[in-house]
């Protein structure tokens, strides 16, 4: 049996605390943690996954729905100027909302 598509992207499964023995992909686990924090602090949260368009277009489409803030995880790209990649640059340039870039 060949590798799963998510394995080709370098993802590894992580433990699922809600259903022991059932594993989650890392991005799913992170979304579950974010949802738990939002619920704990009574903050409305909306999460959307789009696979039919470029990431910046999907983010900008959602941002145009009247949100106050877009939070985007980023990684600094090497070079002489501060650059977080094309997706972050497009969101920063074209988003109608405030933006918060979070680097790990």
PDB file of N, CA and C in Angstrom:
ATOM      1  N   UNK A   1       0.843  -1.174   0.000  1.00  0.00           N
ATOM      2  CA  UNK A   1       0.000   0.000   0.000  1.00  0.00           C
ATOM      3  C   UNK A   1       0.889   1.238   0.000  1.00  0.00           C
ATOM      4  N   UNK A   2       0.615   2.216  -0.900  1.00  0.00           N
ATOM      5  CA  UNK A   2       1.415   3.431  -1.026  1.00  0.00           C
ATOM      6  C   UNK A   2       1.125   4.433   0.074  1.00  0.00           C
ATOM      7  N   UNK A   3       1.911   5.475   0.070  1.00  0.00           N
ATOM      8  CA  UNK A   3       1.744   6.546   1.052  1.00  0.00           C
ATOM      9  C   UNK A   3       0.451   7.307   0.797  1.00  0.00           C
ATOM     10  N   UNK A   4      -0.164   7.786   1.872  1.00  0.00           N
ATOM     11  CA  UNK A   4      -1.341   8.633   1.778  1.00  0.00           C
ATOM     12  C   UNK A   4      -0.919  10.011   1.266  1.00  0.00           C
ATOM     13  N   UNK A   5      -1.815  10.769   0.619  1.00  0.00           N
ATOM     14  CA  UNK A   5      -1.441  12.092   0.112  1.00  0.00           C
ATOM     15  C   UNK A   5      -0.885  13.020   1.187  1.00  0.00           C
ATOM     16  N   UNK A   6      -1.427  12.951   2.399  1.00  0.00           N
ATOM     17  CA  UNK A   6      -0.937  13.828   3.467  1.00  0.00           C
ATOM     18  C   UNK A   6       0.472  13.437   3.899  1.00  0.00           C
ATOM     19  N   UNK A   7       0.841  12.167   3.736  1.00  0.00           N
ATOM     20  CA  UNK A   7       2.191  11.739   4.082  1.00  0.00           C
ATOM     21  C   UNK A   7       3.205  12.297   3.087  1.00  0.00           C
ATOM     22  N   UNK A   8       2.794  12.425   1.817  1.00  0.00           N
ATOM     23  CA  UNK A   8       3.666  13.009   0.804  1.00  0.00           C
ATOM     24  C   UNK A   8       4.009  14.456   1.129  1.00  0.00           C
ATOM     25  N   UNK A   9       3.135  15.143   1.881  1.00  0.00           N
ATOM     26  CA  UNK A   9       3.365  16.538   2.244  1.00  0.00           C
ATOM     27  C   UNK A   9       4.163  16.668   3.546  1.00  0.00           C
ATOM     28  N   UNK A  10       4.565  15.558   4.133  1.00  0.00           N
ATOM     29  CA  UNK A  10       5.382  15.608   5.331  1.00  0.00           C
ATOM     30  C   UNK A  10       4.588  15.621   6.625  1.00  0.00           C
ATOM     31  N   UNK A  11       3.256  15.488   6.566  1.00  0.00           N
ATOM     32  CA  UNK A  11       2.450  15.470   7.782  1.00  0.00           C
ATOM     33  C   UNK A  11       2.599  14.132   8.486  1.00  0.00           C
ATOM     34  N   UNK A  12       2.473  14.155   9.779  1.00  0.00           N
ATOM     35  CA  UNK A  12       2.410  12.931  10.566  1.00  0.00           C
ATOM     36  C   UNK A  12       1.157  12.990  11.406  1.00  0.00           C
ATOM     37  N   UNK A  13       0.576  11.852  11.691  1.00  0.00           N
ATOM     38  CA  UNK A  13      -0.618  11.830  12.530  1.00  0.00           C
ATOM     39  C   UNK A  13      -0.255  12.130  13.978  1.00  0.00           C
ATOM     40  N   UNK A  14      -1.213  12.724  14.706  1.00  0.00           N
ATOM     41  CA  UNK A  14      -1.030  13.003  16.125  1.00  0.00           C
ATOM     42  C   UNK A  14      -2.196  12.406  16.885  1.00  0.00           C
ATOM     43  N   UNK A  15      -2.011  12.236  18.205  1.00  0.00           N
ATOM     44  CA  UNK A  15      -3.031  11.603  19.042  1.00  0.00           C
ATOM     45  C   UNK A  15      -4.298  12.447  19.088  1.00  0.00           C
ATOM     46  N   UNK A  16      -5.432  11.793  19.161  1.00  0.00           N
ATOM     47  CA  UNK A  16      -6.744  12.432  19.262  1.00  0.00           C
ATOM     48  C   UNK A  16      -7.254  12.199  20.673  1.00  0.00           C
ATOM     49  N   UNK A  17      -7.317  13.263  21.492  1.00  0.00           N
ATOM     50  CA  UNK A  17      -7.720  13.091  22.889  1.00  0.00           C
ATOM     51  C   UNK A  17      -9.193  12.739  23.017  1.00  0.00           C
ATOM     52  N   UNK A  18     -10.018  13.127  22.029  1.00  0.00           N
ATOM     53  CA  UNK A  18     -11.444  12.827  22.100  1.00  0.00           C
ATOM     54  C   UNK A  18     -11.754  11.368  21.788  1.00  0.00           C
ATOM     55  N   UNK A  19     -10.962  10.773  20.910  1.00  0.00           N
ATOM     56  CA  UNK A  19     -11.179   9.395  20.509  1.00  0.00           C
ATOM     57  C   UNK A  19      -9.852   8.656  20.536  1.00  0.00           C
ATOM     58  N   UNK A  20      -9.453   8.141  21.692  1.00  0.00           N
ATOM     59  CA  UNK A  20      -8.171   7.441  21.784  1.00  0.00           C
ATOM     60  C   UNK A  20      -8.079   6.333  20.729  1.00  0.00           C
ATOM     61  N   UNK A  21      -6.921   6.218  20.135  1.00  0.00           N
ATOM     62  CA  UNK A  21      -6.704   5.223  19.098  1.00  0.00           C
ATOM     63  C   UNK A  21      -6.981   5.750  17.700  1.00  0.00           C
ATOM     64  N   UNK A  22      -7.698   6.877  17.612  1.00  0.00           N
ATOM     65  CA  UNK A  22      -7.965   7.512  16.316  1.00  0.00           C
ATOM     66  C   UNK A  22      -7.014   8.690  16.190  1.00  0.00           C
ATOM     67  N   UNK A  23      -6.244   8.710  15.136  1.00  0.00           N
ATOM     68  CA  UNK A  23      -5.222   9.744  14.978  1.00  0.00           C
ATOM     69  C   UNK A  23      -5.739  10.898  14.117  1.00  0.00           C
ATOM     70  N   UNK A  24      -5.197  12.095  14.366  1.00  0.00           N
ATOM     71  CA  UNK A  24      -5.537  13.283  13.598  1.00  0.00           C
ATOM     72  C   UNK A  24      -4.312  13.813  12.885  1.00  0.00           C
ATOM     73  N   UNK A  25      -4.507  14.493  11.772  1.00  0.00           N
ATOM     74  CA  UNK A  25      -3.420  15.204  11.130  1.00  0.00           C
ATOM     75  C   UNK A  25      -3.127  16.452  11.954  1.00  0.00           C
ATOM     76  N   UNK A  26      -1.893  16.962  11.942  1.00  0.00           N
ATOM     77  CA  UNK A  26      -1.529  18.104  12.792  1.00  0.00           C
ATOM     78  C   UNK A  26      -2.415  19.328  12.608  1.00  0.00           C
ATOM     79  N   UNK A  27      -2.766  19.675  11.371  1.00  0.00           N
ATOM     80  CA  UNK A  27      -3.580  20.875  11.176  1.00  0.00           C
ATOM     81  C   UNK A  27      -4.974  20.693  11.759  1.00  0.00           C
ATOM     82  N   UNK A  28      -5.510  19.488  11.761  1.00  0.00           N
ATOM     83  CA  UNK A  28      -6.810  19.226  12.372  1.00  0.00           C
ATOM     84  C   UNK A  28      -6.693  19.349  13.888  1.00  0.00           C
ATOM     85  N   UNK A  29      -5.614  18.835  14.451  1.00  0.00           N
ATOM     86  CA  UNK A  29      -5.396  18.933  15.895  1.00  0.00           C
ATOM     87  C   UNK A  29      -5.275  20.390  16.329  1.00  0.00           C
ATOM     88  N   UNK A  30      -4.577  21.206  15.554  1.00  0.00           N
ATOM     89  CA  UNK A  30      -4.425  22.623  15.887  1.00  0.00           C
ATOM     90  C   UNK A  30      -5.781  23.315  15.851  1.00  0.00           C
ATOM     91  N   UNK A  31      -6.591  23.037  14.830  1.00  0.00           N
ATOM     92  CA  UNK A  31      -7.919  23.642  14.754  1.00  0.00           C
ATOM     93  C   UNK A  31      -8.783  23.250  15.938  1.00  0.00           C
ATOM     94  N   UNK A  32      -8.672  22.005  16.391  1.00  0.00           N
ATOM     95  CA  UNK A  32      -9.426  21.573  17.573  1.00  0.00           C
ATOM     96  C   UNK A  32      -8.983  22.354  18.807  1.00  0.00           C
ATOM     97  N   UNK A  33      -7.696  22.604  18.958  1.00  0.00           N
ATOM     98  CA  UNK A  33      -7.200  23.377  20.096  1.00  0.00           C
ATOM     99  C   UNK A  33      -7.698  24.818  20.035  1.00  0.00           C
ATOM    100  N   UNK A  34      -7.682  25.410  18.859  1.00  0.00           N
ATOM    101  CA  UNK A  34      -8.162  26.781  18.694  1.00  0.00           C
ATOM    102  C   UNK A  34      -9.652  26.853  19.022  1.00  0.00           C
ATOM    103  N   UNK A  35     -10.427  25.891  18.562  1.00  0.00           N
ATOM    104  CA  UNK A  35     -11.863  25.871  18.847  1.00  0.00           C
ATOM    105  C   UNK A  35     -12.118  25.741  20.353  1.00  0.00           C
ATOM    106  N   UNK A  36     -11.317  24.930  21.028  1.00  0.00           N
ATOM    107  CA  UNK A  36     -11.470  24.777  22.481  1.00  0.00           C
ATOM    108  C   UNK A  36     -11.151  26.089  23.204  1.00  0.00           C
ATOM    109  N   UNK A  37     -10.112  26.790  22.782  1.00  0.00           N
ATOM    110  CA  UNK A  37      -9.788  28.088  23.389  1.00  0.00           C
ATOM    111  C   UNK A  37     -10.900  29.105  23.149  1.00  0.00           C
ATOM    112  N   UNK A  38     -11.427  29.147  21.932  1.00  0.00           N
ATOM    113  CA  UNK A  38     -12.512  30.084  21.621  1.00  0.00           C
ATOM    114  C   UNK A  38     -13.730  29.796  22.492  1.00  0.00           C
ATOM    115  N   UNK A  39     -14.046  28.531  22.659  1.00  0.00           N
ATOM    116  CA  UNK A  39     -15.191  28.166  23.497  1.00  0.00           C
ATOM    117  C   UNK A  39     -14.944  28.546  24.953  1.00  0.00           C
ATOM    118  N   UNK A  40     -13.741  28.296  25.463  1.00  0.00           N
ATOM    119  CA  UNK A  40     -13.414  28.604  26.858  1.00  0.00           C
ATOM    120  C   UNK A  40     -13.580  30.094  27.157  1.00  0.00           C
ATOM    121  N   UNK A  41     -13.172  30.941  26.200  1.00  0.00           N
ATOM    122  CA  UNK A  41     -13.227  32.387  26.411  1.00  0.00           C
ATOM    123  C   UNK A  41     -14.442  33.036  25.761  1.00  0.00           C
ATOM    124  N   UNK A  42     -15.396  32.218  25.321  1.00  0.00           N
ATOM    125  CA  UNK A  42     -16.654  32.693  24.744  1.00  0.00           C
ATOM    126  C   UNK A  42     -16.416  33.656  23.576  1.00  0.00           C
ATOM    127  N   UNK A  43     -15.511  33.246  22.680  1.00  0.00           N
ATOM    128  CA  UNK A  43     -15.180  34.041  21.493  1.00  0.00           C
ATOM    129  C   UNK A  43     -15.750  33.320  20.279  1.00  0.00           C
ATOM    130  N   UNK A  44     -16.551  34.040  19.465  1.00  0.00           N
ATOM    131  CA  UNK A  44     -17.075  33.390  18.263  1.00  0.00           C
ATOM    132  C   UNK A  44     -15.938  33.017  17.312  1.00  0.00           C
ATOM    133  N   UNK A  45     -16.036  31.860  16.712  1.00  0.00           N
ATOM    134  CA  UNK A  45     -14.992  31.360  15.812  1.00  0.00           C
ATOM    135  C   UNK A  45     -15.653  30.763  14.590  1.00  0.00           C
ATOM    136  N   UNK A  46     -15.090  31.057  13.427  1.00  0.00           N
ATOM    137  CA  UNK A  46     -15.535  30.429  12.192  1.00  0.00           C
ATOM    138  C   UNK A  46     -14.301  29.944  11.453  1.00  0.00           C
ATOM    139  N   UNK A  47     -14.294  28.691  11.102  1.00  0.00           N
ATOM    140  CA  UNK A  47     -13.183  28.099  10.375  1.00  0.00           C
ATOM    141  C   UNK A  47     -13.706  27.559   9.053  1.00  0.00           C
ATOM    142  N   UNK A  48     -12.970  27.811   7.972  1.00  0.00           N
ATOM    143  CA  UNK A  48     -13.365  27.356   6.649  1.00  0.00           C
ATOM    144  C   UNK A  48     -12.168  26.719   5.964  1.00  0.00           C
ATOM    145  N   UNK A  49     -12.406  25.626   5.283  1.00  0.00           N
ATOM    146  CA  UNK A  49     -11.359  24.987   4.494  1.00  0.00           C
ATOM    147  C   UNK A  49     -11.786  25.018   3.031  1.00  0.00           C
ATOM    148  N   UNK A  50     -10.923  25.557   2.184  1.00  0.00           N
ATOM    149  CA  UNK A  50     -11.203  25.650   0.753  1.00  0.00           C
ATOM    150  C   UNK A  50     -10.062  24.966   0.007  1.00  0.00           C
ATOM    151  N   UNK A  51     -10.394  24.068  -0.894  1.00  0.00           N
ATOM    152  CA  UNK A  51      -9.367  23.404  -1.702  1.00  0.00           C
ATOM    153  C   UNK A  51      -9.512  23.736  -3.179  1.00  0.00           C
ATOM    154  N   UNK A  52     -10.503  24.556  -3.520  1.00  0.00           N
ATOM    155  CA  UNK A  52     -10.788  24.811  -4.926  1.00  0.00           C
ATOM    156  C   UNK A  52     -10.268  26.165  -5.424  1.00  0.00           C
ATOM    157  N   UNK A  53      -9.426  26.836  -4.610  1.00  0.00           N
ATOM    158  CA  UNK A  53      -8.869  28.120  -5.039  1.00  0.00           C
ATOM    159  C   UNK A  53      -7.540  28.349  -4.341  1.00  0.00           C
ATOM    160  N   UNK A  54      -6.798  29.332  -4.822  1.00  0.00           N
ATOM    161  CA  UNK A  54      -5.500  29.661  -4.232  1.00  0.00           C
ATOM    162  C   UNK A  54      -5.696  30.118  -2.785  1.00  0.00           C
ATOM    163  N   UNK A  55      -4.727  29.838  -1.898  1.00  0.00           N
ATOM    164  CA  UNK A  55      -4.881  30.195  -0.484  1.00  0.00           C
ATOM    165  C   UNK A  55      -5.190  31.673  -0.255  1.00  0.00           C
ATOM    166  N   UNK A  56      -4.484  32.577  -0.953  1.00  0.00           N
ATOM    167  CA  UNK A  56      -4.739  33.998  -0.722  1.00  0.00           C
ATOM    168  C   UNK A  56      -6.153  34.379  -1.148  1.00  0.00           C
ATOM    169  N   UNK A  57      -6.646  33.816  -2.244  1.00  0.00           N
ATOM    170  CA  UNK A  57      -8.007  34.112  -2.687  1.00  0.00           C
ATOM    171  C   UNK A  57      -9.039  33.609  -1.686  1.00  0.00           C
ATOM    172  N   UNK A  58      -8.821  32.414  -1.141  1.00  0.00           N
ATOM    173  CA  UNK A  58      -9.751  31.860  -0.147  1.00  0.00           C
ATOM    174  C   UNK A  58      -9.774  32.725   1.112  1.00  0.00           C
ATOM    175  N   UNK A  59      -8.614  33.146   1.569  1.00  0.00           N
ATOM    176  CA  UNK A  59      -8.532  33.985   2.776  1.00  0.00           C
ATOM    177  C   UNK A  59      -9.205  35.325   2.523  1.00  0.00           C
ATOM    178  N   UNK A  60      -8.936  35.934   1.375  1.00  0.00           N
ATOM    179  CA  UNK A  60      -9.529  37.235   1.057  1.00  0.00           C
ATOM    180  C   UNK A  60     -11.039  37.138   0.884  1.00  0.00           C
ATOM    181  N   UNK A  61     -11.516  36.043   0.336  1.00  0.00           N
ATOM    182  CA  UNK A  61     -12.967  35.853   0.213  1.00  0.00           C
ATOM    183  C   UNK A  61     -13.610  35.823   1.594  1.00  0.00           C
ATOM    184  N   UNK A  62     -13.014  35.073   2.498  1.00  0.00           N
ATOM    185  CA  UNK A  62     -13.556  35.018   3.861  1.00  0.00           C
ATOM    186  C   UNK A  62     -13.442  36.364   4.564  1.00  0.00           C
ATOM    187  N   UNK A  63     -12.312  37.052   4.388  1.00  0.00           N
ATOM    188  CA  UNK A  63     -12.110  38.353   5.032  1.00  0.00           C
ATOM    189  C   UNK A  63     -13.162  39.358   4.584  1.00  0.00           C
ATOM    190  N   UNK A  64     -13.635  39.229   3.354  1.00  0.00           N
ATOM    191  CA  UNK A  64     -14.636  40.137   2.825  1.00  0.00           C
ATOM    192  C   UNK A  64     -16.029  39.928   3.374  1.00  0.00           C
ATOM    193  N   UNK A  65     -16.210  38.935   4.229  1.00  0.00           N
ATOM    194  CA  UNK A  65     -17.525  38.647   4.801  1.00  0.00           C
ATOM    195  C   UNK A  65     -17.821  39.463   6.059  1.00  0.00           C
ATOM    196  N   UNK A  66     -16.966  40.448   6.352  1.00  0.00           N
ATOM    197  CA  UNK A  66     -17.272  41.344   7.459  1.00  0.00           C
ATOM    198  C   UNK A  66     -16.562  41.040   8.764  1.00  0.00           C
ATOM    199  N   UNK A  67     -15.483  40.297   8.719  1.00  0.00           N
ATOM    200  CA  UNK A  67     -14.736  40.000   9.940  1.00  0.00           C
ATOM    201  C   UNK A  67     -13.882  41.201  10.351  1.00  0.00           C
ATOM    202  N   UNK A  68     -13.531  41.243  11.626  1.00  0.00           N
ATOM    203  CA  UNK A  68     -12.690  42.320  12.148  1.00  0.00           C
ATOM    204  C   UNK A  68     -11.208  42.012  12.024  1.00  0.00           C
ATOM    205  N   UNK A  69     -10.853  40.721  12.037  1.00  0.00           N
ATOM    206  CA  UNK A  69      -9.446  40.347  12.116  1.00  0.00           C
ATOM    207  C   UNK A  69      -9.208  39.031  11.395  1.00  0.00           C
ATOM    208  N   UNK A  70      -8.120  38.985  10.634  1.00  0.00           N
ATOM    209  CA  UNK A  70      -7.643  37.737  10.034  1.00  0.00           C
ATOM    210  C   UNK A  70      -6.338  37.386  10.739  1.00  0.00           C
ATOM    211  N   UNK A  71      -6.260  36.178  11.294  1.00  0.00           N
ATOM    212  CA  UNK A  71      -5.047  35.686  11.945  1.00  0.00           C
ATOM    213  C   UNK A  71      -4.456  34.630  11.025  1.00  0.00           C
ATOM    214  N   UNK A  72      -3.173  34.830  10.673  1.00  0.00           N
ATOM    215  CA  UNK A  72      -2.529  33.950   9.698  1.00  0.00           C
ATOM    216  C   UNK A  72      -1.174  33.510  10.222  1.00  0.00           C
ATOM    217  N   UNK A  73      -0.948  32.210  10.287  1.00  0.00           N
ATOM    218  CA  UNK A  73       0.360  31.682  10.659  1.00  0.00           C
ATOM    219  C   UNK A  73       1.334  31.860   9.507  1.00  0.00           C
ATOM    220  N   UNK A  74       2.524  32.355   9.804  1.00  0.00           N
ATOM    221  CA  UNK A  74       3.517  32.638   8.766  1.00  0.00           C
ATOM    222  C   UNK A  74       4.897  32.165   9.191  1.00  0.00           C
ATOM    223  N   UNK A  75       5.772  32.036   8.211  1.00  0.00           N
ATOM    224  CA  UNK A  75       7.191  31.761   8.452  1.00  0.00           C
ATOM    225  C   UNK A  75       7.988  32.781   7.649  1.00  0.00           C
ATOM    226  N   UNK A  76       9.004  33.341   8.264  1.00  0.00           N
ATOM    227  CA  UNK A  76       9.828  34.327   7.570  1.00  0.00           C
ATOM    228  C   UNK A  76      10.634  33.637   6.472  1.00  0.00           C
ATOM    229  N   UNK A  77      10.682  34.267   5.324  1.00  0.00           N
ATOM    230  CA  UNK A  77      11.468  33.769   4.207  1.00  0.00           C
ATOM    231  C   UNK A  77      12.853  34.395   4.263  1.00  0.00           C
ATOM    232  N   UNK A  78      13.878  33.669   3.879  1.00  0.00           N
ATOM    233  CA  UNK A  78      15.231  34.224   3.923  1.00  0.00           C
ATOM    234  C   UNK A  78      15.386  35.406   2.969  1.00  0.00           C
ATOM    235  N   UNK A  79      16.222  36.346   3.346  1.00  0.00           N
ATOM    236  CA  UNK A  79      16.500  37.497   2.491  1.00  0.00           C
ATOM    237  C   UNK A  79      16.784  38.744   3.312  1.00  0.00           C
ATOM    238  N   UNK A  80      17.071  39.816   2.601  1.00  0.00           N
ATOM    239  CA  UNK A  80      17.423  41.074   3.247  1.00  0.00           C
ATOM    240  C   UNK A  80      16.214  41.855   3.731  1.00  0.00           C
ATOM    241  N   UNK A  81      15.033  41.579   3.199  1.00  0.00           N
ATOM    242  CA  UNK A  81      13.827  42.292   3.609  1.00  0.00           C
ATOM    243  C   UNK A  81      12.899  41.334   4.346  1.00  0.00           C
ATOM    244  N   UNK A  82      12.061  41.887   5.201  1.00  0.00           N
ATOM    245  CA  UNK A  82      11.090  41.084   5.935  1.00  0.00           C
ATOM    246  C   UNK A  82      10.013  40.612   4.966  1.00  0.00           C
ATOM    247  N   UNK A  83       9.908  39.306   4.764  1.00  0.00           N
ATOM    248  CA  UNK A  83       8.957  38.736   3.815  1.00  0.00           C
ATOM    249  C   UNK A  83       8.443  37.422   4.362  1.00  0.00           C
ATOM    250  N   UNK A  84       7.106  37.267   4.375  1.00  0.00           N
ATOM    251  CA  UNK A  84       6.477  36.063   4.905  1.00  0.00           C
ATOM    252  C   UNK A  84       5.873  35.180   3.822  1.00  0.00           C
ATOM    253  N   UNK A  85       6.144  35.477   2.566  1.00  0.00           N
ATOM    254  CA  UNK A  85       5.626  34.664   1.482  1.00  0.00           C
ATOM    255  C   UNK A  85       4.550  35.384   0.688  1.00  0.00           C
ATOM    256  N   UNK A  86       4.217  34.813  -0.467  1.00  0.00           N
ATOM    257  CA  UNK A  86       3.266  35.435  -1.381  1.00  0.00           C
ATOM    258  C   UNK A  86       1.852  35.489  -0.823  1.00  0.00           C
ATOM    259  N   UNK A  87       1.434  34.448  -0.109  1.00  0.00           N
ATOM    260  CA  UNK A  87       0.086  34.449   0.449  1.00  0.00           C
ATOM    261  C   UNK A  87      -0.065  35.566   1.473  1.00  0.00           C
ATOM    262  N   UNK A  88       0.870  35.652   2.403  1.00  0.00           N
ATOM    263  CA  UNK A  88       0.812  36.708   3.419  1.00  0.00           C
ATOM    264  C   UNK A  88       0.890  38.088   2.781  1.00  0.00           C
ATOM    265  N   UNK A  89       1.730  38.254   1.762  1.00  0.00           N
ATOM    266  CA  UNK A  89       1.866  39.548   1.089  1.00  0.00           C
ATOM    267  C   UNK A  89       0.549  39.949   0.420  1.00  0.00           C
ATOM    268  N   UNK A  90      -0.120  39.005  -0.238  1.00  0.00           N
ATOM    269  CA  UNK A  90      -1.392  39.300  -0.899  1.00  0.00           C
ATOM    270  C   UNK A  90      -2.469  39.657   0.120  1.00  0.00           C
ATOM    271  N   UNK A  91      -2.515  38.923   1.234  1.00  0.00           N
ATOM    272  CA  UNK A  91      -3.505  39.218   2.276  1.00  0.00           C
ATOM    273  C   UNK A  91      -3.234  40.592   2.868  1.00  0.00           C
ATOM    274  N   UNK A  92      -1.992  40.888   3.169  1.00  0.00           N
ATOM    275  CA  UNK A  92      -1.640  42.189   3.741  1.00  0.00           C
ATOM    276  C   UNK A  92      -2.013  43.329   2.790  1.00  0.00           C
ATOM    277  N   UNK A  93      -1.768  43.143   1.523  1.00  0.00           N
ATOM    278  CA  UNK A  93      -2.016  44.203   0.534  1.00  0.00           C
ATOM    279  C   UNK A  93      -3.503  44.402   0.242  1.00  0.00           C
ATOM    280  N   UNK A  94      -4.268  43.291   0.225  1.00  0.00           N
ATOM    281  CA  UNK A  94      -5.636  43.372  -0.298  1.00  0.00           C
ATOM    282  C   UNK A  94      -6.740  43.131   0.713  1.00  0.00           C
ATOM    283  N   UNK A  95      -6.431  42.753   1.938  1.00  0.00           N
ATOM    284  CA  UNK A  95      -7.462  42.431   2.915  1.00  0.00           C
ATOM    285  C   UNK A  95      -8.156  43.690   3.432  1.00  0.00           C
ATOM    286  N   UNK A  96      -9.499  43.653   3.520  1.00  0.00           N
ATOM    287  CA  UNK A  96     -10.238  44.793   4.064  1.00  0.00           C
ATOM    288  C   UNK A  96     -10.229  44.821   5.597  1.00  0.00           C
ATOM    289  N   UNK A  97      -9.657  43.818   6.224  1.00  0.00           N
ATOM    290  CA  UNK A  97      -9.664  43.709   7.686  1.00  0.00           C
ATOM    291  C   UNK A  97      -8.288  44.007   8.259  1.00  0.00           C
ATOM    292  N   UNK A  98      -8.237  44.064   9.585  1.00  0.00           N
ATOM    293  CA  UNK A  98      -6.941  44.072  10.263  1.00  0.00           C
ATOM    294  C   UNK A  98      -6.350  42.676  10.140  1.00  0.00           C
ATOM    295  N   UNK A  99      -5.031  42.579  10.139  1.00  0.00           N
ATOM    296  CA  UNK A  99      -4.345  41.298   9.994  1.00  0.00           C
ATOM    297  C   UNK A  99      -3.356  41.101  11.119  1.00  0.00           C
ATOM    298  N   UNK A 100      -3.281  39.875  11.611  1.00  0.00           N
ATOM    299  CA  UNK A 100      -2.295  39.519  12.624  1.00  0.00           C
ATOM    300  C   UNK A 100      -1.529  38.314  12.084  1.00  0.00           C
ATOM    301  N   UNK A 101      -0.245  38.502  11.824  1.00  0.00           N
ATOM    302  CA  UNK A 101       0.615  37.405  11.374  1.00  0.00           C
ATOM    303  C   UNK A 101       1.331  36.831  12.581  1.00  0.00           C
ATOM    304  N   UNK A 102       1.231  35.520  12.747  1.00  0.00           N
ATOM    305  CA  UNK A 102       1.832  34.839  13.890  1.00  0.00           C
ATOM    306  C   UNK A 102       2.933  33.922  13.368  1.00  0.00           C
ATOM    307  N   UNK A 103       4.159  34.168  13.785  1.00  0.00           N
ATOM    308  CA  UNK A 103       5.286  33.333  13.380  1.00  0.00           C
ATOM    309  C   UNK A 103       5.658  32.396  14.518  1.00  0.00           C
ATOM    310  N   UNK A 104       5.933  31.153  14.181  1.00  0.00           N
ATOM    311  CA  UNK A 104       6.308  30.189  15.227  1.00  0.00           C
ATOM    312  C   UNK A 104       7.795  30.134  15.383  1.00  0.00           C
TER     313      UNK A 104
END
